[in-house]
């Protein structure tokens, strides 16, 4: 027997949605890490940039700027910036110019 007695519909207000939970990302140690990944991408490599403690809108703006300067595509997924291609050295210099402490992680 299930104890899920949550109200899902009311004739007065209609469908009642569950309250949205705010996703909290773990705080980094102040070091931005850039790693290259190809697994699950059909051999296409991407650079993953983790450890940037910015709000979602600022993170999207930073990703847009990096994509423009690298001349390639990318996205932001769950607080991680993905940049297409192997541009680790260029990304490192761009982020260090913004005053961030950057490490190249992985092989």
N, C-alpha and C. Protein backbone atom coordinates (compact mmCIF):
# COMPACT_ATOMS: atom_id res chain seq x y z
N UNK A 1 0.83 -1.17 0.00
CA UNK A 1 0.00 0.00 0.00
C UNK A 1 0.88 1.24 0.00
N UNK A 2 0.56 2.17 -0.85
CA UNK A 2 1.35 3.38 -1.00
C UNK A 2 0.86 4.48 -0.07
N UNK A 3 1.79 5.27 0.46
CA UNK A 3 1.46 6.40 1.33
C UNK A 3 1.52 7.71 0.56
N UNK A 4 1.30 7.67 -0.74
CA UNK A 4 1.36 8.87 -1.57
C UNK A 4 -0.05 9.47 -1.65
N UNK A 5 -0.42 10.26 -0.66
CA UNK A 5 -1.76 10.85 -0.58
C UNK A 5 -1.74 12.32 -0.97
N UNK A 6 -0.99 12.64 -1.99
CA UNK A 6 -0.82 14.01 -2.43
C UNK A 6 -1.97 14.40 -3.35
N UNK A 7 -2.52 15.62 -3.17
CA UNK A 7 -3.61 16.12 -3.99
C UNK A 7 -3.06 16.51 -5.36
N UNK A 8 -3.62 15.95 -6.45
CA UNK A 8 -3.13 16.25 -7.78
C UNK A 8 -4.10 17.07 -8.61
N UNK A 9 -5.39 17.14 -8.20
CA UNK A 9 -6.36 17.91 -8.96
C UNK A 9 -7.43 18.43 -8.02
N UNK A 10 -7.83 19.67 -8.25
CA UNK A 10 -8.89 20.28 -7.47
C UNK A 10 -9.85 20.94 -8.44
N UNK A 11 -11.14 20.79 -8.20
CA UNK A 11 -12.12 21.38 -9.11
C UNK A 11 -12.08 22.90 -9.05
N UNK A 12 -11.56 23.47 -7.98
CA UNK A 12 -11.49 24.92 -7.85
C UNK A 12 -10.35 25.53 -8.65
N UNK A 13 -9.16 24.91 -8.62
CA UNK A 13 -8.00 25.50 -9.27
C UNK A 13 -7.44 24.65 -10.41
N UNK A 14 -7.92 23.46 -10.58
CA UNK A 14 -7.42 22.61 -11.65
C UNK A 14 -6.24 21.77 -11.18
N UNK A 15 -5.34 21.50 -12.11
CA UNK A 15 -4.19 20.63 -11.82
C UNK A 15 -3.26 21.28 -10.81
N UNK A 16 -2.84 20.53 -9.82
CA UNK A 16 -1.93 21.02 -8.80
C UNK A 16 -0.58 20.35 -9.03
N UNK A 17 0.39 21.16 -9.39
CA UNK A 17 1.73 20.64 -9.67
C UNK A 17 2.54 20.57 -8.39
N UNK A 18 3.47 19.64 -8.38
CA UNK A 18 4.36 19.51 -7.23
C UNK A 18 5.27 20.73 -7.18
N UNK A 19 5.63 21.19 -5.99
CA UNK A 19 6.54 22.34 -5.90
C UNK A 19 7.89 21.99 -6.51
N UNK A 20 8.42 22.92 -7.29
CA UNK A 20 9.70 22.68 -7.95
C UNK A 20 10.83 22.77 -6.94
N UNK A 21 11.74 21.83 -7.05
CA UNK A 21 12.90 21.82 -6.17
C UNK A 21 14.04 22.54 -6.86
N UNK A 22 14.69 23.43 -6.13
CA UNK A 22 15.81 24.17 -6.70
C UNK A 22 17.03 23.26 -6.69
N UNK A 23 17.67 23.16 -7.83
CA UNK A 23 18.85 22.32 -7.95
C UNK A 23 20.05 23.09 -7.41
N UNK A 24 20.73 22.50 -6.47
CA UNK A 24 21.92 23.14 -5.93
C UNK A 24 23.15 22.37 -6.42
N UNK A 25 24.09 23.14 -6.93
CA UNK A 25 25.32 22.53 -7.40
C UNK A 25 26.33 22.53 -6.27
N UNK A 26 27.18 21.53 -6.23
CA UNK A 26 28.21 21.52 -5.18
C UNK A 26 29.21 22.65 -5.41
N UNK A 27 29.62 23.28 -4.32
CA UNK A 27 30.59 24.36 -4.42
C UNK A 27 31.96 23.77 -4.71
N UNK A 28 32.68 24.43 -5.60
CA UNK A 28 34.01 23.96 -5.97
C UNK A 28 35.07 24.40 -4.96
N UNK A 29 36.31 24.06 -5.25
CA UNK A 29 37.42 24.42 -4.37
C UNK A 29 38.15 25.66 -4.88
N UNK A 30 37.53 26.38 -5.82
CA UNK A 30 38.14 27.60 -6.34
C UNK A 30 39.02 27.37 -7.54
N UNK A 31 39.14 26.11 -7.98
CA UNK A 31 39.97 25.79 -9.13
C UNK A 31 39.06 25.34 -10.28
N UNK A 32 39.24 25.98 -11.42
CA UNK A 32 38.47 25.61 -12.62
C UNK A 32 39.23 24.50 -13.32
N UNK A 33 38.55 23.41 -13.63
CA UNK A 33 39.19 22.27 -14.28
C UNK A 33 38.65 22.10 -15.69
N UNK A 34 39.57 21.88 -16.63
CA UNK A 34 39.20 21.65 -18.03
C UNK A 34 39.66 20.24 -18.38
N UNK A 35 38.71 19.42 -18.83
CA UNK A 35 39.08 18.07 -19.24
C UNK A 35 38.47 17.75 -20.59
N UNK A 36 39.10 16.83 -21.30
CA UNK A 36 38.63 16.41 -22.61
C UNK A 36 37.89 15.10 -22.45
N UNK A 37 36.75 14.97 -23.14
CA UNK A 37 35.96 13.75 -23.03
C UNK A 37 35.45 13.36 -24.40
N UNK A 38 35.50 12.05 -24.69
CA UNK A 38 34.97 11.54 -25.95
C UNK A 38 33.95 10.44 -25.72
N UNK A 39 33.84 9.92 -24.50
CA UNK A 39 32.97 8.78 -24.25
C UNK A 39 31.50 9.15 -24.45
N UNK A 40 30.78 8.28 -25.17
CA UNK A 40 29.36 8.50 -25.40
C UNK A 40 29.07 9.57 -26.43
N UNK A 41 30.09 9.99 -27.18
CA UNK A 41 29.90 11.07 -28.16
C UNK A 41 30.33 10.63 -29.56
N UNK A 42 30.34 9.35 -29.80
CA UNK A 42 30.70 8.78 -31.12
C UNK A 42 32.06 9.25 -31.58
N UNK A 43 33.02 9.33 -30.65
CA UNK A 43 34.38 9.71 -30.99
C UNK A 43 34.64 11.20 -31.08
N UNK A 44 33.60 12.00 -31.03
CA UNK A 44 33.77 13.45 -31.08
C UNK A 44 34.19 13.96 -29.71
N UNK A 45 35.23 14.74 -29.65
CA UNK A 45 35.72 15.23 -28.37
C UNK A 45 35.10 16.55 -27.97
N UNK A 46 34.90 16.71 -26.68
CA UNK A 46 34.45 17.99 -26.12
C UNK A 46 35.32 18.32 -24.91
N UNK A 47 35.40 19.59 -24.59
CA UNK A 47 36.08 20.04 -23.39
C UNK A 47 35.04 20.36 -22.34
N UNK A 48 35.18 19.77 -21.16
CA UNK A 48 34.27 20.03 -20.05
C UNK A 48 34.95 20.98 -19.08
N UNK A 49 34.28 22.07 -18.76
CA UNK A 49 34.82 23.06 -17.84
C UNK A 49 33.98 23.01 -16.57
N UNK A 50 34.59 22.61 -15.46
CA UNK A 50 33.88 22.47 -14.19
C UNK A 50 34.54 23.34 -13.13
N UNK A 51 33.80 23.59 -12.06
CA UNK A 51 34.34 24.31 -10.92
C UNK A 51 34.14 25.81 -10.97
N UNK A 52 33.29 26.29 -11.88
CA UNK A 52 33.04 27.73 -11.95
C UNK A 52 31.83 28.05 -11.07
N UNK A 53 32.04 28.86 -10.05
CA UNK A 53 30.97 29.20 -9.12
C UNK A 53 30.29 30.50 -9.57
N UNK A 54 29.39 30.37 -10.54
CA UNK A 54 28.62 31.51 -11.04
C UNK A 54 27.15 31.13 -11.07
N UNK A 55 26.30 32.15 -11.10
CA UNK A 55 24.87 31.91 -11.26
C UNK A 55 24.61 31.39 -12.67
N UNK A 56 23.43 30.84 -12.88
CA UNK A 56 23.08 30.22 -14.16
C UNK A 56 23.19 31.20 -15.33
N UNK A 57 22.67 32.43 -15.15
CA UNK A 57 22.72 33.41 -16.25
C UNK A 57 24.16 33.83 -16.56
N UNK A 58 24.98 34.02 -15.53
CA UNK A 58 26.38 34.39 -15.74
C UNK A 58 27.15 33.25 -16.38
N UNK A 59 26.81 32.02 -16.01
CA UNK A 59 27.47 30.85 -16.60
C UNK A 59 27.12 30.74 -18.08
N UNK A 60 25.86 30.99 -18.44
CA UNK A 60 25.45 30.97 -19.84
C UNK A 60 26.16 32.06 -20.64
N UNK A 61 26.32 33.24 -20.04
CA UNK A 61 27.01 34.34 -20.72
C UNK A 61 28.49 34.00 -20.94
N UNK A 62 29.13 33.40 -19.93
CA UNK A 62 30.53 33.00 -20.06
C UNK A 62 30.68 31.93 -21.13
N UNK A 63 29.75 30.97 -21.17
CA UNK A 63 29.81 29.91 -22.19
C UNK A 63 29.66 30.51 -23.58
N UNK A 64 28.76 31.47 -23.74
CA UNK A 64 28.56 32.12 -25.04
C UNK A 64 29.83 32.85 -25.48
N UNK A 65 30.48 33.51 -24.54
CA UNK A 65 31.71 34.23 -24.86
C UNK A 65 32.83 33.27 -25.26
N UNK A 66 32.96 32.15 -24.53
CA UNK A 66 34.00 31.17 -24.84
C UNK A 66 33.74 30.52 -26.20
N UNK A 67 32.48 30.21 -26.49
CA UNK A 67 32.15 29.61 -27.79
C UNK A 67 32.49 30.56 -28.92
N UNK A 68 32.22 31.83 -28.72
CA UNK A 68 32.49 32.83 -29.76
C UNK A 68 33.99 32.97 -30.00
N UNK A 69 34.78 33.01 -28.92
CA UNK A 69 36.22 33.18 -29.06
C UNK A 69 36.90 31.93 -29.60
N UNK A 70 36.31 30.75 -29.33
CA UNK A 70 36.88 29.50 -29.85
C UNK A 70 36.38 29.20 -31.26
N UNK A 71 35.29 29.83 -31.66
CA UNK A 71 34.73 29.58 -32.98
C UNK A 71 34.12 28.21 -33.12
N UNK A 72 33.44 27.76 -32.07
CA UNK A 72 32.83 26.44 -32.11
C UNK A 72 31.56 26.44 -31.28
N UNK A 73 30.87 25.32 -31.26
CA UNK A 73 29.63 25.20 -30.51
C UNK A 73 29.87 24.69 -29.11
N UNK A 74 28.78 24.59 -28.37
CA UNK A 74 28.87 24.08 -27.02
C UNK A 74 27.56 24.30 -26.29
N UNK A 75 27.54 23.97 -25.00
CA UNK A 75 26.33 24.13 -24.20
C UNK A 75 26.69 24.16 -22.73
N UNK A 76 25.66 24.44 -21.91
CA UNK A 76 25.82 24.38 -20.46
C UNK A 76 24.84 23.34 -19.95
N UNK A 77 25.35 22.32 -19.25
CA UNK A 77 24.49 21.27 -18.72
C UNK A 77 24.84 21.05 -17.25
N UNK A 78 23.89 21.30 -16.38
CA UNK A 78 24.03 21.07 -14.94
C UNK A 78 25.27 21.73 -14.36
N UNK A 79 25.51 22.98 -14.76
CA UNK A 79 26.63 23.73 -14.21
C UNK A 79 27.97 23.43 -14.84
N UNK A 80 28.00 22.61 -15.89
CA UNK A 80 29.24 22.26 -16.58
C UNK A 80 29.16 22.83 -17.99
N UNK A 81 30.20 23.58 -18.37
CA UNK A 81 30.25 24.14 -19.72
C UNK A 81 30.90 23.11 -20.63
N UNK A 82 30.24 22.79 -21.75
CA UNK A 82 30.79 21.88 -22.75
C UNK A 82 31.13 22.69 -23.99
N UNK A 83 32.39 22.59 -24.43
CA UNK A 83 32.84 23.27 -25.65
C UNK A 83 33.29 22.18 -26.62
N UNK A 84 32.79 22.24 -27.86
CA UNK A 84 33.11 21.21 -28.84
C UNK A 84 34.55 21.34 -29.31
N UNK A 85 35.18 20.19 -29.51
CA UNK A 85 36.56 20.16 -30.00
C UNK A 85 37.56 20.18 -28.85
N UNK A 86 38.83 20.00 -29.21
CA UNK A 86 39.90 20.01 -28.20
C UNK A 86 40.56 21.38 -28.19
N UNK A 87 40.03 22.27 -27.38
CA UNK A 87 40.51 23.65 -27.31
C UNK A 87 41.00 23.96 -25.90
N UNK A 88 41.58 22.97 -25.22
CA UNK A 88 41.94 23.16 -23.81
C UNK A 88 42.93 24.29 -23.59
N UNK A 89 43.95 24.38 -24.43
CA UNK A 89 44.97 25.42 -24.23
C UNK A 89 44.39 26.82 -24.41
N UNK A 90 43.57 26.98 -25.44
CA UNK A 90 42.93 28.28 -25.67
C UNK A 90 41.97 28.63 -24.53
N UNK A 91 41.19 27.65 -24.09
CA UNK A 91 40.27 27.88 -22.98
C UNK A 91 41.01 28.26 -21.71
N UNK A 92 42.15 27.61 -21.48
CA UNK A 92 42.94 27.91 -20.28
C UNK A 92 43.42 29.36 -20.30
N UNK A 93 43.93 29.82 -21.43
CA UNK A 93 44.41 31.20 -21.49
C UNK A 93 43.26 32.21 -21.36
N UNK A 94 42.10 31.88 -21.97
CA UNK A 94 40.95 32.79 -21.86
C UNK A 94 40.44 32.90 -20.42
N UNK A 95 40.38 31.77 -19.72
CA UNK A 95 39.87 31.79 -18.35
C UNK A 95 40.89 32.41 -17.38
N UNK A 96 42.18 32.17 -17.63
CA UNK A 96 43.20 32.79 -16.78
C UNK A 96 43.22 34.30 -16.96
N UNK A 97 42.89 34.78 -18.15
CA UNK A 97 42.81 36.22 -18.40
C UNK A 97 41.68 36.85 -17.60
N UNK A 98 40.67 36.04 -17.23
CA UNK A 98 39.56 36.52 -16.40
C UNK A 98 39.87 36.40 -14.91
N UNK A 99 41.08 35.98 -14.57
CA UNK A 99 41.49 35.90 -13.18
C UNK A 99 41.14 34.60 -12.48
N UNK A 100 40.86 33.56 -13.24
CA UNK A 100 40.50 32.27 -12.64
C UNK A 100 41.74 31.38 -12.55
N UNK A 101 41.77 30.54 -11.54
CA UNK A 101 42.84 29.56 -11.38
C UNK A 101 42.42 28.31 -12.13
N UNK A 102 43.20 27.93 -13.16
CA UNK A 102 42.78 26.88 -14.09
C UNK A 102 43.78 25.73 -14.07
N UNK A 103 43.25 24.51 -14.11
CA UNK A 103 44.07 23.30 -14.23
C UNK A 103 43.52 22.47 -15.37
N UNK A 104 44.43 21.83 -16.12
CA UNK A 104 44.03 20.88 -17.14
C UNK A 104 43.92 19.51 -16.47
N UNK A 105 42.74 18.92 -16.51
CA UNK A 105 42.51 17.65 -15.82
C UNK A 105 42.41 16.54 -16.87
N UNK A 106 42.75 15.35 -16.45
CA UNK A 106 42.63 14.20 -17.34
C UNK A 106 43.71 14.17 -18.39
N UNK A 107 43.57 13.22 -19.34
CA UNK A 107 44.59 13.03 -20.39
C UNK A 107 44.29 13.82 -21.57
